[in-house]
C-alpha atoms as a PDB file:
ATOM      1  CA  UNK A   1     107.479  73.378 109.406  1.00  0.00           C
ATOM      2  CA  UNK A   2     110.418  75.097 107.860  1.00  0.00           C
ATOM      3  CA  UNK A   3     111.810  76.774 111.101  1.00  0.00           C
ATOM      4  CA  UNK A   4     112.285  80.114 108.971  1.00  0.00           C
ATOM      5  CA  UNK A   5     108.502  79.996 108.209  1.00  0.00           C
ATOM      6  CA  UNK A   6     107.572  78.995 111.846  1.00  0.00           C
ATOM      7  CA  UNK A   7     110.001  81.994 112.854  1.00  0.00           C
ATOM      8  CA  UNK A   8     107.995  84.642 110.507  1.00  0.00           C
ATOM      9  CA  UNK A   9     104.641  83.078 111.590  1.00  0.00           C
ATOM     10  CA  UNK A  10     105.534  83.684 115.140  1.00  0.00           C
ATOM     11  CA  UNK A  11     107.079  87.182 114.881  1.00  0.00           C
ATOM     12  CA  UNK A  12     104.153  88.389 112.817  1.00  0.00           C
ATOM     13  CA  UNK A  13     101.353  86.817 115.589  1.00  0.00           C
ATOM     14  CA  UNK A  14     103.318  88.882 118.036  1.00  0.00           C
ATOM     15  CA  UNK A  15     103.236  92.211 116.260  1.00  0.00           C
ATOM     16  CA  UNK A  16      99.245  92.002 116.582  1.00  0.00           C
ATOM     17  CA  UNK A  17      98.248  93.455 119.463  1.00  0.00           C
ATOM     18  CA  UNK A  18      95.391  91.160 120.249  1.00  0.00           C
ATOM     19  CA  UNK A  19      97.222  87.546 119.513  1.00  0.00           C
ATOM     20  CA  UNK A  20     100.208  88.953 121.441  1.00  0.00           C
ATOM     21  CA  UNK A  21      98.373  90.116 124.434  1.00  0.00           C
ATOM     22  CA  UNK A  22      96.261  86.828 124.451  1.00  0.00           C
ATOM     23  CA  UNK A  23      99.749  84.642 123.908  1.00  0.00           C
ATOM     24  CA  UNK A  24     101.226  86.357 126.974  1.00  0.00           C
ATOM     25  CA  UNK A  25      98.328  86.521 129.017  1.00  0.00           C
ATOM     26  CA  UNK A  26      98.306  82.598 128.689  1.00  0.00           C
ATOM     27  CA  UNK A  27     102.078  82.500 129.462  1.00  0.00           C
ATOM     28  CA  UNK A  28     101.702  84.813 132.230  1.00  0.00           C
ATOM     29  CA  UNK A  29      98.504  82.733 133.983  1.00  0.00           C
ATOM     30  CA  UNK A  30      99.978  79.640 133.853  1.00  0.00           C
ATOM     31  CA  UNK A  31     103.258  80.991 135.495  1.00  0.00           C
ATOM     32  CA  UNK A  32     101.223  82.911 138.082  1.00  0.00           C
ATOM     33  CA  UNK A  33      99.383  79.419 138.778  1.00  0.00           C
ATOM     34  CA  UNK A  34     102.654  77.633 139.551  1.00  0.00           C
ATOM     35  CA  UNK A  35     104.269  80.353 141.280  1.00  0.00           C
ATOM     36  CA  UNK A  36     100.919  80.822 143.673  1.00  0.00           C
ATOM     37  CA  UNK A  37     100.660  77.160 144.152  1.00  0.00           C
ATOM     38  CA  UNK A  38     104.246  76.981 145.289  1.00  0.00           C
ATOM     39  CA  UNK A  39     103.685  79.961 147.581  1.00  0.00           C
ATOM     40  CA  UNK A  40     100.482  78.472 148.998  1.00  0.00           C
ATOM     41  CA  UNK A  41     102.610  75.610 150.177  1.00  0.00           C
ATOM     42  CA  UNK A  42     104.513  76.935 153.095  1.00  0.00           C
ATOM     43  CA  UNK A  43     101.500  78.401 154.371  1.00  0.00           C
ATOM     44  CA  UNK A  44      99.703  74.869 154.505  1.00  0.00           C
ATOM     45  CA  UNK A  45     102.605  74.003 156.413  1.00  0.00           C
ATOM     46  CA  UNK A  46     103.459  76.548 158.921  1.00  0.00           C
ATOM     47  CA  UNK A  47      99.725  78.757 159.371  1.00  0.00           C
ATOM     48  CA  UNK A  48      97.832  77.510 162.184  1.00  0.00           C
ATOM     49  CA  UNK A  49      94.179  76.484 161.188  1.00  0.00           C
ATOM     50  CA  UNK A  50      91.966  78.027 159.425  1.00  0.00           C
ATOM     51  CA  UNK A  51      95.403  78.697 157.007  1.00  0.00           C
ATOM     52  CA  UNK A  52      93.474  81.768 155.503  1.00  0.00           C
ATOM     53  CA  UNK A  53      96.056  82.735 153.281  1.00  0.00           C
ATOM     54  CA  UNK A  54      97.074  79.184 152.072  1.00  0.00           C
ATOM     55  CA  UNK A  55      93.579  78.845 150.705  1.00  0.00           C
ATOM     56  CA  UNK A  56      93.240  82.342 149.151  1.00  0.00           C
ATOM     57  CA  UNK A  57      96.405  81.561 147.399  1.00  0.00           C
ATOM     58  CA  UNK A  58      95.223  78.354 146.059  1.00  0.00           C
ATOM     59  CA  UNK A  59      92.151  80.021 145.098  1.00  0.00           C
ATOM     60  CA  UNK A  60      94.203  82.690 142.900  1.00  0.00           C
ATOM     61  CA  UNK A  61      96.195  79.702 141.368  1.00  0.00           C
ATOM     62  CA  UNK A  62      92.980  77.871 140.522  1.00  0.00           C
ATOM     63  CA  UNK A  63      91.475  81.269 139.248  1.00  0.00           C
ATOM     64  CA  UNK A  64      94.819  81.676 136.691  1.00  0.00           C
ATOM     65  CA  UNK A  65      94.311  78.059 135.613  1.00  0.00           C
ATOM     66  CA  UNK A  66      90.569  79.087 134.511  1.00  0.00           C
ATOM     67  CA  UNK A  67      91.561  82.465 133.053  1.00  0.00           C
ATOM     68  CA  UNK A  68      94.350  80.445 130.870  1.00  0.00           C
ATOM     69  CA  UNK A  69      91.882  77.966 129.808  1.00  0.00           C
ATOM     70  CA  UNK A  70      89.195  80.511 129.097  1.00  0.00           C
ATOM     71  CA  UNK A  71      92.111  82.678 127.188  1.00  0.00           C
ATOM     72  CA  UNK A  72      93.133  79.725 124.779  1.00  0.00           C
ATOM     73  CA  UNK A  73      89.292  78.411 123.961  1.00  0.00           C
ATOM     74  CA  UNK A  74      87.268  81.814 124.294  1.00  0.00           C
ATOM     75  CA  UNK A  75      89.027  83.934 122.292  1.00  0.00           C
ATOM     76  CA  UNK A  76      85.646  85.920 121.303  1.00  0.00           C
ATOM     77  CA  UNK A  77      85.895  87.615 125.156  1.00  0.00           C
ATOM     78  CA  UNK A  78      89.772  87.818 125.140  1.00  0.00           C
ATOM     79  CA  UNK A  79      89.571  91.192 126.527  1.00  0.00           C
ATOM     80  CA  UNK A  80      87.420  90.496 129.387  1.00  0.00           C
ATOM     81  CA  UNK A  81      89.893  87.685 130.249  1.00  0.00           C
ATOM     82  CA  UNK A  82      92.858  89.982 129.908  1.00  0.00           C
ATOM     83  CA  UNK A  83      91.004  92.485 132.277  1.00  0.00           C
ATOM     84  CA  UNK A  84      90.292  89.867 134.747  1.00  0.00           C
ATOM     85  CA  UNK A  85      93.740  88.563 134.711  1.00  0.00           C
ATOM     86  CA  UNK A  86      94.789  92.164 135.526  1.00  0.00           C
ATOM     87  CA  UNK A  87      93.001  92.308 138.327  1.00  0.00           C
ATOM     88  CA  UNK A  88      94.931  89.013 139.401  1.00  0.00           C
ATOM     89  CA  UNK A  89      97.837  90.615 138.801  1.00  0.00           C
ATOM     90  CA  UNK A  90      97.183  93.566 140.919  1.00  0.00           C
ATOM     91  CA  UNK A  91      96.258  91.283 143.864  1.00  0.00           C
ATOM     92  CA  UNK A  92      98.941  89.185 143.535  1.00  0.00           C
ATOM     93  CA  UNK A  93     101.912  91.609 143.591  1.00  0.00           C
ATOM     94  CA  UNK A  94      99.832  93.435 146.220  1.00  0.00           C
ATOM     95  CA  UNK A  95     100.251  90.426 148.424  1.00  0.00           C
ATOM     96  CA  UNK A  96     103.724  90.404 147.799  1.00  0.00           C
ATOM     97  CA  UNK A  97     104.042  93.922 149.089  1.00  0.00           C
ATOM     98  CA  UNK A  98     102.826  92.382 152.078  1.00  0.00           C
ATOM     99  CA  UNK A  99     104.542  89.383 152.332  1.00  0.00           C
ATOM    100  CA  UNK A 100     108.348  90.242 150.826  1.00  0.00           C
ATOM    101  CA  UNK A 101     110.012  87.476 152.458  1.00  0.00           C
ATOM    102  CA  UNK A 102     112.808  88.110 154.950  1.00  0.00           C
ATOM    103  CA  UNK A 103     115.135  91.178 153.900  1.00  0.00           C
ATOM    104  CA  UNK A 104     112.606  91.579 151.110  1.00  0.00           C
ATOM    105  CA  UNK A 105     114.125  89.246 148.587  1.00  0.00           C
ATOM    106  CA  UNK A 106     110.151  88.724 146.875  1.00  0.00           C
ATOM    107  CA  UNK A 107     109.893  92.802 146.575  1.00  0.00           C
ATOM    108  CA  UNK A 108     112.876  92.527 144.488  1.00  0.00           C
ATOM    109  CA  UNK A 109     110.402  90.435 141.834  1.00  0.00           C
ATOM    110  CA  UNK A 110     107.996  93.294 142.292  1.00  0.00           C
ATOM    111  CA  UNK A 111     110.277  95.091 140.214  1.00  0.00           C
ATOM    112  CA  UNK A 112     109.418  92.872 136.786  1.00  0.00           C
ATOM    113  CA  UNK A 113     105.951  93.971 137.025  1.00  0.00           C
ATOM    114  CA  UNK A 114     106.272  97.419 134.985  1.00  0.00           C
ATOM    115  CA  UNK A 115     107.849  95.767 132.197  1.00  0.00           C
ATOM    116  CA  UNK A 116     105.303  92.590 132.149  1.00  0.00           C
ATOM    117  CA  UNK A 117     102.450  94.725 132.721  1.00  0.00           C
ATOM    118  CA  UNK A 118     103.141  97.519 129.261  1.00  0.00           C
ATOM    119  CA  UNK A 119     104.359  94.250 127.292  1.00  0.00           C
ATOM    120  CA  UNK A 120     101.068  92.085 127.863  1.00  0.00           C
ATOM    121  CA  UNK A 121      98.643  94.833 128.353  1.00  0.00           C
ATOM    122  CA  UNK A 122      99.746  97.718 126.284  1.00  0.00           C
ATOM    123  CA  UNK A 123     100.350 101.436 127.422  1.00  0.00           C
ATOM    124  CA  UNK A 124      97.123 102.473 128.977  1.00  0.00           C
ATOM    125  CA  UNK A 125      96.436  98.899 130.536  1.00  0.00           C
ATOM    126  CA  UNK A 126      99.689  98.713 131.792  1.00  0.00           C
ATOM    127  CA  UNK A 127      99.489 101.642 133.736  1.00  0.00           C
ATOM    128  CA  UNK A 128      96.398 100.655 134.927  1.00  0.00           C
ATOM    129  CA  UNK A 129      98.001  97.310 136.406  1.00  0.00           C
ATOM    130  CA  UNK A 130     101.420  98.956 137.418  1.00  0.00           C
ATOM    131  CA  UNK A 131     100.515 101.915 139.067  1.00  0.00           C
ATOM    132  CA  UNK A 132      97.857 100.398 141.711  1.00  0.00           C
ATOM    133  CA  UNK A 133     100.588  97.915 142.859  1.00  0.00           C
ATOM    134  CA  UNK A 134     103.012 101.177 143.266  1.00  0.00           C
ATOM    135  CA  UNK A 135     100.606 102.495 145.262  1.00  0.00           C
ATOM    136  CA  UNK A 136      99.830  99.485 147.528  1.00  0.00           C
ATOM    137  CA  UNK A 137     103.631  99.243 148.039  1.00  0.00           C
ATOM    138  CA  UNK A 138     103.924 102.963 149.382  1.00  0.00           C
ATOM    139  CA  UNK A 139     101.523 102.026 151.715  1.00  0.00           C
ATOM    140  CA  UNK A 140     102.805  98.948 153.111  1.00  0.00           C
ATOM    141  CA  UNK A 141     106.502 100.934 152.893  1.00  0.00           C
ATOM    142  CA  UNK A 142     105.730 104.294 154.183  1.00  0.00           C
ATOM    143  CA  UNK A 143     101.637 104.677 154.878  1.00  0.00           C
ATOM    144  CA  UNK A 144      99.210 103.561 157.291  1.00  0.00           C
ATOM    145  CA  UNK A 145      99.643  99.727 156.395  1.00  0.00           C
ATOM    146  CA  UNK A 146     103.422  99.622 157.496  1.00  0.00           C
ATOM    147  CA  UNK A 147     102.226  98.456 160.612  1.00  0.00           C
ATOM    148  CA  UNK A 148     100.969  95.084 159.511  1.00  0.00           C
ATOM    149  CA  UNK A 149     103.726  94.417 157.274  1.00  0.00           C
ATOM    150  CA  UNK A 150     104.702  90.983 157.663  1.00  0.00           C
ATOM    151  CA  UNK A 151     108.644  91.459 157.945  1.00  0.00           C
ATOM    152  CA  UNK A 152     109.048  94.609 159.865  1.00  0.00           C
ATOM    153  CA  UNK A 153     113.012  94.215 159.144  1.00  0.00           C
ATOM    154  CA  UNK A 154     112.732  96.222 156.095  1.00  0.00           C
ATOM    155  CA  UNK A 155     115.140  99.401 156.774  1.00  0.00           C
ATOM    156  CA  UNK A 156     114.029 102.932 155.170  1.00  0.00           C
ATOM    157  CA  UNK A 157     116.845 102.866 152.810  1.00  0.00           C
ATOM    158  CA  UNK A 158     115.545  99.602 151.331  1.00  0.00           C
ATOM    159  CA  UNK A 159     112.282 100.933 151.035  1.00  0.00           C
ATOM    160  CA  UNK A 160     113.302 104.015 149.354  1.00  0.00           C
ATOM    161  CA  UNK A 161     115.289 102.672 146.681  1.00  0.00           C
ATOM    162  CA  UNK A 162     112.541 100.132 145.886  1.00  0.00           C
ATOM    163  CA  UNK A 163     110.379 103.144 145.496  1.00  0.00           C
ATOM    164  CA  UNK A 164     112.849 104.678 143.294  1.00  0.00           C
ATOM    165  CA  UNK A 165     113.992 101.789 141.271  1.00  0.00           C
ATOM    166  CA  UNK A 166     109.852 100.957 140.832  1.00  0.00           C
ATOM    167  CA  UNK A 167     109.632 104.284 139.290  1.00  0.00           C
ATOM    168  CA  UNK A 168     112.465 103.915 136.718  1.00  0.00           C
ATOM    169  CA  UNK A 169     111.312 100.633 135.640  1.00  0.00           C
ATOM    170  CA  UNK A 170     107.756 102.119 135.214  1.00  0.00           C
ATOM    171  CA  UNK A 171     108.984 105.056 133.143  1.00  0.00           C
ATOM    172  CA  UNK A 172     111.634 102.569 130.987  1.00  0.00           C
ATOM    173  CA  UNK A 173     108.542 100.215 130.758  1.00  0.00           C
ATOM    174  CA  UNK A 174     106.154 103.059 129.299  1.00  0.00           C
ATOM    175  CA  UNK A 175     108.683 104.643 126.794  1.00  0.00           C
ATOM    176  CA  UNK A 176     109.815 100.931 125.589  1.00  0.00           C
ATOM    177  CA  UNK A 177     105.934 100.023 124.978  1.00  0.00           C
ATOM    178  CA  UNK A 178     105.440 103.322 123.334  1.00  0.00           C
ATOM    179  CA  UNK A 179     108.365 103.092 120.991  1.00  0.00           C
ATOM    180  CA  UNK A 180     107.502  99.316 120.086  1.00  0.00           C
ATOM    181  CA  UNK A 181     103.800 100.423 119.342  1.00  0.00           C
ATOM    182  CA  UNK A 182     104.675 103.250 117.318  1.00  0.00           C
ATOM    183  CA  UNK A 183     107.248 100.884 115.507  1.00  0.00           C
ATOM    184  CA  UNK A 184     104.683  98.174 115.251  1.00  0.00           C
ATOM    185  CA  UNK A 185     101.958 100.554 114.110  1.00  0.00           C
ATOM    186  CA  UNK A 186     104.281 102.075 111.116  1.00  0.00           C
ATOM    187  CA  UNK A 187     105.549  98.364 109.969  1.00  0.00           C
ATOM    188  CA  UNK A 188     101.869  97.353 110.093  1.00  0.00           C
ATOM    189  CA  UNK A 189     101.009 100.408 107.776  1.00  0.00           C
ATOM    190  CA  UNK A 190     103.887  99.252 105.610  1.00  0.00           C
ATOM    191  CA  UNK A 191     102.789  95.698 105.588  1.00  0.00           C
ATOM    192  CA  UNK A 192      99.163  96.707 104.297  1.00  0.00           C
ATOM    193  CA  UNK A 193     100.118  99.002 101.915  1.00  0.00           C
ATOM    194  CA  UNK A 194     102.631  96.599 100.374  1.00  0.00           C
ATOM    195  CA  UNK A 195     100.098  93.973 100.332  1.00  0.00           C
ATOM    196  CA  UNK A 196      97.504  96.211  99.090  1.00  0.00           C
ATOM    197  CA  UNK A 197      99.871  97.227  96.267  1.00  0.00           C
ATOM    198  CA  UNK A 198     100.748  93.811  95.252  1.00  0.00           C
ATOM    199  CA  UNK A 199      96.982  93.039  94.750  1.00  0.00           C
ATOM    200  CA  UNK A 200      95.937  96.022  93.090  1.00  0.00           C
ATOM    201  CA  UNK A 201      96.249  98.149  89.853  1.00  0.00           C
ATOM    202  CA  UNK A 202      98.500 101.304  90.434  1.00  0.00           C
ATOM    203  CA  UNK A 203      96.962 103.324  87.958  1.00  0.00           C
ATOM    204  CA  UNK A 204      93.076 102.307  88.606  1.00  0.00           C
ATOM    205  CA  UNK A 205      92.965 101.172  91.744  1.00  0.00           C
ATOM    206  CA  UNK A 206      91.196  98.055  90.600  1.00  0.00           C
ATOM    207  CA  UNK A 207      92.402  94.349  91.510  1.00  0.00           C
ATOM    208  CA  UNK A 208      95.221  92.921  89.348  1.00  0.00           C
ATOM    209  CA  UNK A 209      95.937  89.171  88.281  1.00  0.00           C
ATOM    210  CA  UNK A 210      97.175  88.537  91.975  1.00  0.00           C
ATOM    211  CA  UNK A 211      93.499  89.290  93.717  1.00  0.00           C
ATOM    212  CA  UNK A 212      91.847  87.803  90.958  1.00  0.00           C
ATOM    213  CA  UNK A 213      93.739  84.469  91.523  1.00  0.00           C
ATOM    214  CA  UNK A 214      92.653  84.861  95.130  1.00  0.00           C
ATOM    215  CA  UNK A 215      89.103  85.480  94.131  1.00  0.00           C
ATOM    216  CA  UNK A 216      88.988  82.771  92.031  1.00  0.00           C
ATOM    217  CA  UNK A 217      90.327  80.364  94.578  1.00  0.00           C
ATOM    218  CA  UNK A 218      87.779  81.301  97.085  1.00  0.00           C
ATOM    219  CA  UNK A 219      84.862  81.074  94.755  1.00  0.00           C
ATOM    220  CA  UNK A 220      86.519  77.343  94.113  1.00  0.00           C
ATOM    221  CA  UNK A 221      86.896  76.661  97.977  1.00  0.00           C
ATOM    222  CA  UNK A 222      83.240  77.755  98.615  1.00  0.00           C
ATOM    223  CA  UNK A 223      81.625  76.202  95.411  1.00  0.00           C
ATOM    224  CA  UNK A 224      78.642  73.718  95.389  1.00  0.00           C
ATOM    225  CA  UNK A 225      77.059  71.569  92.642  1.00  0.00           C
ATOM    226  CA  UNK A 226      75.108  74.707  91.671  1.00  0.00           C
ATOM    227  CA  UNK A 227      77.977  77.357  91.429  1.00  0.00           C
ATOM    228  CA  UNK A 228      78.866  79.146  88.510  1.00  0.00           C
ATOM    229  CA  UNK A 229      81.251  81.872  87.210  1.00  0.00           C
ATOM    230  CA  UNK A 230      80.461  84.442  84.742  1.00  0.00           C
ATOM    231  CA  UNK A 231      83.171  86.430  82.946  1.00  0.00           C
ATOM    232  CA  UNK A 232      83.997  89.335  80.745  1.00  0.00           C
ATOM    233  CA  UNK A 233      86.618  90.078  78.939  1.00  0.00           C
ATOM    234  CA  UNK A 234      86.654  93.894  78.135  1.00  0.00           C
ATOM    235  CA  UNK A 235      89.156  95.169  75.475  1.00  0.00           C
ATOM    236  CA  UNK A 236      89.206  98.873  74.794  1.00  0.00           C
ATOM    237  CA  UNK A 237      89.010  99.690  70.754  1.00  0.00           C
ATOM    238  CA  UNK A 238      91.800 100.895  69.096  1.00  0.00           C
ATOM    239  CA  UNK A 239      93.462 102.265  72.240  1.00  0.00           C
ATOM    240  CA  UNK A 240      96.514 102.842  70.721  1.00  0.00           C
ATOM    241  CA  UNK A 241      95.373 105.536  68.345  1.00  0.00           C
ATOM    242  CA  UNK A 242      93.993 107.076  71.977  1.00  0.00           C
ATOM    243  CA  UNK A 243      97.622 107.603  73.061  1.00  0.00           C
ATOM    244  CA  UNK A 244      99.225 108.564  70.010  1.00  0.00           C
ATOM    245  CA  UNK A 245      96.889 111.273  69.002  1.00  0.00           C
ATOM    246  CA  UNK A 246      96.065 112.422  72.586  1.00  0.00           C
ATOM    247  CA  UNK A 247      99.110 111.431  74.735  1.00  0.00           C
ATOM    248  CA  UNK A 248      99.507 108.763  77.149  1.00  0.00           C
ATOM    249  CA  UNK A 249      98.362 111.122  80.047  1.00  0.00           C
ATOM    250  CA  UNK A 250      94.975 111.272  78.933  1.00  0.00           C
ATOM    251  CA  UNK A 251      95.041 107.879  78.032  1.00  0.00           C
ATOM    252  CA  UNK A 252      95.204 107.169  81.597  1.00  0.00           C
ATOM    253  CA  UNK A 253      92.214 109.241  82.411  1.00  0.00           C
ATOM    254  CA  UNK A 254      90.277 107.054  79.821  1.00  0.00           C
ATOM    255  CA  UNK A 255      91.424 103.682  81.326  1.00  0.00           C
ATOM    256  CA  UNK A 256      90.481 105.149  85.049  1.00  0.00           C
ATOM    257  CA  UNK A 257      87.189 106.103  83.475  1.00  0.00           C
ATOM    258  CA  UNK A 258      86.344 102.536  82.158  1.00  0.00           C
ATOM    259  CA  UNK A 259      87.123 100.710  85.349  1.00  0.00           C
ATOM    260  CA  UNK A 260      84.855 103.359  87.189  1.00  0.00           C
ATOM    261  CA  UNK A 261      82.278 102.362  84.764  1.00  0.00           C
ATOM    262  CA  UNK A 262      83.009  98.699  85.080  1.00  0.00           C
ATOM    263  CA  UNK A 263      82.950  99.001  89.109  1.00  0.00           C
ATOM    264  CA  UNK A 264      79.672 100.337  89.255  1.00  0.00           C
ATOM    265  CA  UNK A 265      77.808  96.709  89.432  1.00  0.00           C
ATOM    266  CA  UNK A 266      77.691  96.049  92.987  1.00  0.00           C
ATOM    267  CA  UNK A 267      78.501  92.213  92.503  1.00  0.00           C
ATOM    268  CA  UNK A 268      81.179  92.737  89.903  1.00  0.00           C
ATOM    269  CA  UNK A 269      84.725  91.640  90.547  1.00  0.00           C
ATOM    270  CA  UNK A 270      86.807  94.074  88.428  1.00  0.00           C
ATOM    271  CA  UNK A 271      90.545  93.633  87.422  1.00  0.00           C
ATOM    272  CA  UNK A 272      92.615  95.559  85.106  1.00  0.00           C
ATOM    273  CA  UNK A 273      94.019  92.666  83.322  1.00  0.00           C
ATOM    274  CA  UNK A 274      96.884  94.925  81.545  1.00  0.00           C
ATOM    275  CA  UNK A 275      96.808  97.453  79.255  1.00  0.00           C
ATOM    276  CA  UNK A 276      93.451  98.514  78.283  1.00  0.00           C
ATOM    277  CA  UNK A 277      92.215  94.878  79.010  1.00  0.00           C
ATOM    278  CA  UNK A 278      89.562  94.214  81.760  1.00  0.00           C
ATOM    279  CA  UNK A 279      88.094  91.204  83.290  1.00  0.00           C
ATOM    280  CA  UNK A 280      84.904  91.180  85.179  1.00  0.00           C
ATOM    281  CA  UNK A 281      83.852  88.183  87.033  1.00  0.00           C
ATOM    282  CA  UNK A 282      80.329  87.230  88.658  1.00  0.00           C
ATOM    283  CA  UNK A 283      79.396  84.318  90.786  1.00  0.00           C
ATOM    284  CA  UNK A 284      76.682  82.543  90.146  1.00  0.00           C
ATOM    285  CA  UNK A 285      75.020  84.486  87.055  1.00  0.00           C
ATOM    286  CA  UNK A 286      72.959  83.278  84.248  1.00  0.00           C
ATOM    287  CA  UNK A 287      73.880  83.780  80.291  1.00  0.00           C
ATOM    288  CA  UNK A 288      71.110  86.385  79.940  1.00  0.00           C
ATOM    289  CA  UNK A 289      71.927  88.438  82.861  1.00  0.00           C
ATOM    290  CA  UNK A 290      75.674  88.456  81.680  1.00  0.00           C
ATOM    291  CA  UNK A 291      74.738  89.529  78.430  1.00  0.00           C
ATOM    292  CA  UNK A 292      72.503  92.672  79.882  1.00  0.00           C
ATOM    293  CA  UNK A 293      75.381  93.721  82.018  1.00  0.00           C
ATOM    294  CA  UNK A 294      77.940  93.347  79.228  1.00  0.00           C
ATOM    295  CA  UNK A 295      75.741  95.518  76.994  1.00  0.00           C
ATOM    296  CA  UNK A 296      75.005  98.088  79.871  1.00  0.00           C
ATOM    297  CA  UNK A 297      78.781  98.273  79.933  1.00  0.00           C
ATOM    298  CA  UNK A 298      79.149  98.776  76.237  1.00  0.00           C
ATOM    299  CA  UNK A 299      76.494 101.358  75.870  1.00  0.00           C
ATOM    300  CA  UNK A 300      77.865 103.579  79.009  1.00  0.00           C
ATOM    301  CA  UNK A 301      81.393 103.629  77.965  1.00  0.00           C
ATOM    302  CA  UNK A 302      80.312 104.321  74.405  1.00  0.00           C
ATOM    303  CA  UNK A 303      78.153 107.383  75.481  1.00  0.00           C
ATOM    304  CA  UNK A 304      80.863 108.458  78.190  1.00  0.00           C
ATOM    305  CA  UNK A 305      82.452 112.275  77.414  1.00  0.00           C
ATOM    306  CA  UNK A 306      85.592 113.932  78.646  1.00  0.00           C
ATOM    307  CA  UNK A 307      85.851 117.650  79.261  1.00  0.00           C
ATOM    308  CA  UNK A 308      89.044 118.015  77.821  1.00  0.00           C
ATOM    309  CA  UNK A 309      87.887 116.540  74.599  1.00  0.00           C
ATOM    310  CA  UNK A 310      84.182 116.669  74.119  1.00  0.00           C
ATOM    311  CA  UNK A 311      83.883 115.190  70.633  1.00  0.00           C
ATOM    312  CA  UNK A 312      86.304 112.164  71.903  1.00  0.00           C
ATOM    313  CA  UNK A 313      84.258 109.074  72.526  1.00  0.00           C
ATOM    314  CA  UNK A 314      85.833 105.480  73.151  1.00  0.00           C
ATOM    315  CA  UNK A 315      84.192 101.535  72.359  1.00  0.00           C
ATOM    316  CA  UNK A 316      84.929  98.642  73.835  1.00  0.00           C
ATOM    317  CA  UNK A 317      84.444  95.130  72.441  1.00  0.00           C
ATOM    318  CA  UNK A 318      83.249  92.518  74.735  1.00  0.00           C
ATOM    319  CA  UNK A 319      83.422  88.607  75.283  1.00  0.00           C
ATOM    320  CA  UNK A 320      81.563  86.847  77.555  1.00  0.00           C
ATOM    321  CA  UNK A 321      81.266  83.384  79.132  1.00  0.00           C
ATOM    322  CA  UNK A 322      79.571  81.452  81.792  1.00  0.00           C
ATOM    323  CA  UNK A 323      80.768  78.192  83.178  1.00  0.00           C
ATOM    324  CA  UNK A 324      80.292  75.780  85.968  1.00  0.00           C
ATOM    325  CA  UNK A 325      82.679  75.535  88.835  1.00  0.00           C
ATOM    326  CA  UNK A 326      83.282  71.952  89.395  1.00  0.00           C
ATOM    327  CA  UNK A 327      85.999  69.453  89.855  1.00  0.00           C
ATOM    328  CA  UNK A 328      87.181  70.282  86.004  1.00  0.00           C
ATOM    329  CA  UNK A 329      87.129  74.123  86.501  1.00  0.00           C
ATOM    330  CA  UNK A 330      89.973  75.670  85.184  1.00  0.00           C
ATOM    331  CA  UNK A 331      89.911  79.689  84.653  1.00  0.00           C
ATOM    332  CA  UNK A 332      92.928  79.713  82.023  1.00  0.00           C
ATOM    333  CA  UNK A 333      89.978  77.560  79.953  1.00  0.00           C
ATOM    334  CA  UNK A 334      87.686  80.300  80.996  1.00  0.00           C
ATOM    335  CA  UNK A 335      89.797  83.406  80.012  1.00  0.00           C
ATOM    336  CA  UNK A 336      90.536  81.464  76.806  1.00  0.00           C
ATOM    337  CA  UNK A 337      86.821  81.654  76.056  1.00  0.00           C
ATOM    338  CA  UNK A 338      86.019  85.021  76.868  1.00  0.00           C
ATOM    339  CA  UNK A 339      88.932  86.255  74.878  1.00  0.00           C
ATOM    340  CA  UNK A 340      87.940  84.379  72.129  1.00  0.00           C
ATOM    341  CA  UNK A 341      84.443  85.780  72.357  1.00  0.00           C
ATOM    342  CA  UNK A 342      86.143  88.939  72.456  1.00  0.00           C
ATOM    343  CA  UNK A 343      87.990  88.407  69.411  1.00  0.00           C
ATOM    344  CA  UNK A 344      84.869  87.529  67.667  1.00  0.00           C
ATOM    345  CA  UNK A 345      83.483  90.832  68.846  1.00  0.00           C
ATOM    346  CA  UNK A 346      86.094  92.810  67.308  1.00  0.00           C
ATOM    347  CA  UNK A 347      85.823  90.814  63.892  1.00  0.00           C
ATOM    348  CA  UNK A 348      82.096  91.463  64.029  1.00  0.00           C
ATOM    349  CA  UNK A 349      82.792  95.411  63.823  1.00  0.00           C
ATOM    350  CA  UNK A 350      83.989  95.891  67.407  1.00  0.00           C
ATOM    351  CA  UNK A 351      81.776  98.097  69.787  1.00  0.00           C
ATOM    352  CA  UNK A 352      79.447  94.944  70.558  1.00  0.00           C
ATOM    353  CA  UNK A 353      79.269  91.964  73.136  1.00  0.00           C
ATOM    354  CA  UNK A 354      79.960  88.635  72.017  1.00  0.00           C
ATOM    355  CA  UNK A 355      78.823  85.342  74.095  1.00  0.00           C
ATOM    356  CA  UNK A 356      81.009  82.180  73.845  1.00  0.00           C
ATOM    357  CA  UNK A 357      79.278  79.229  72.183  1.00  0.00           C
ATOM    358  CA  UNK A 358      78.096  75.940  73.945  1.00  0.00           C
ATOM    359  CA  UNK A 359      80.324  73.902  71.827  1.00  0.00           C
ATOM    360  CA  UNK A 360      83.155  75.938  72.864  1.00  0.00           C
ATOM    361  CA  UNK A 361      82.425  75.744  76.447  1.00  0.00           C
ATOM    362  CA  UNK A 362      81.951  71.712  76.078  1.00  0.00           C
ATOM    363  CA  UNK A 363      85.735  71.866  74.367  1.00  0.00           C
END
């Protein structure tokens, strides 16, 4: 895979909250399993039987591995495994508050928790994870649990510094995640708006040729031996005269109104092909039904009236074709047939619907 594409794909994934959280839970749970397993070894070696803490840590390590596997293979319930992992993190760092090592060298690692919590779990769940550990740490440092602290040689100055630095890390982690989430949300909105603009016509809001191509790809990808595609090519009659006589702004109103009429059919995929031309597609439709819909469109457009110009009316010519979606399917050929049928409709006096002939489809 191209490195730039890989980096771009990975960046897009990390901007998605669900993907980022699942990814980081996987990474952190695997690291936690390794760290806890290593921490359990001295307890197995040094602690007298029944070595309770050693088995507790080993159970935590196994649990982290289970969370890792569930996060990877059961993405449907990712939020459950994430919250279970939050509980494991609280337990693990709570234990580190108790067993901080000689001179508190393990306590230093607790300072990393706020940053990891906010990045991995987000603002709300990050607080839920980081705050209980802070409270547990204070219970061991200054509260009733101080007497059971494994190493009693921690000075008051060290404990105060740890408390203050942890609070600073908590605030920094919160504001960093707040800025990241706001920036990610805005970037996501910009991306969604760009995607929408690239797939839709700016005037009518209908699909454009890009979205039509995607629709056709989906039809082809999900085809079976009975799949067919019906296509109507709708062209407004004498639209240039509308712009010349009434102005382009009113011409836009007409185009929007026609798009609204074409969109009334629930199963219709409506695309503004360009200018005053529209393409309307239907999956798995017969010629008779397609012709009835085409005639319905023609009649409704001819009957519609506009408030600013009550006597004005507009007509359309419609070309229709139904073709099988098989290995030889080519939409350019479909469009040529529909366009040819549309020209036939115009040659027959406009304001009518024409169906592509069987011999044309075979050709």
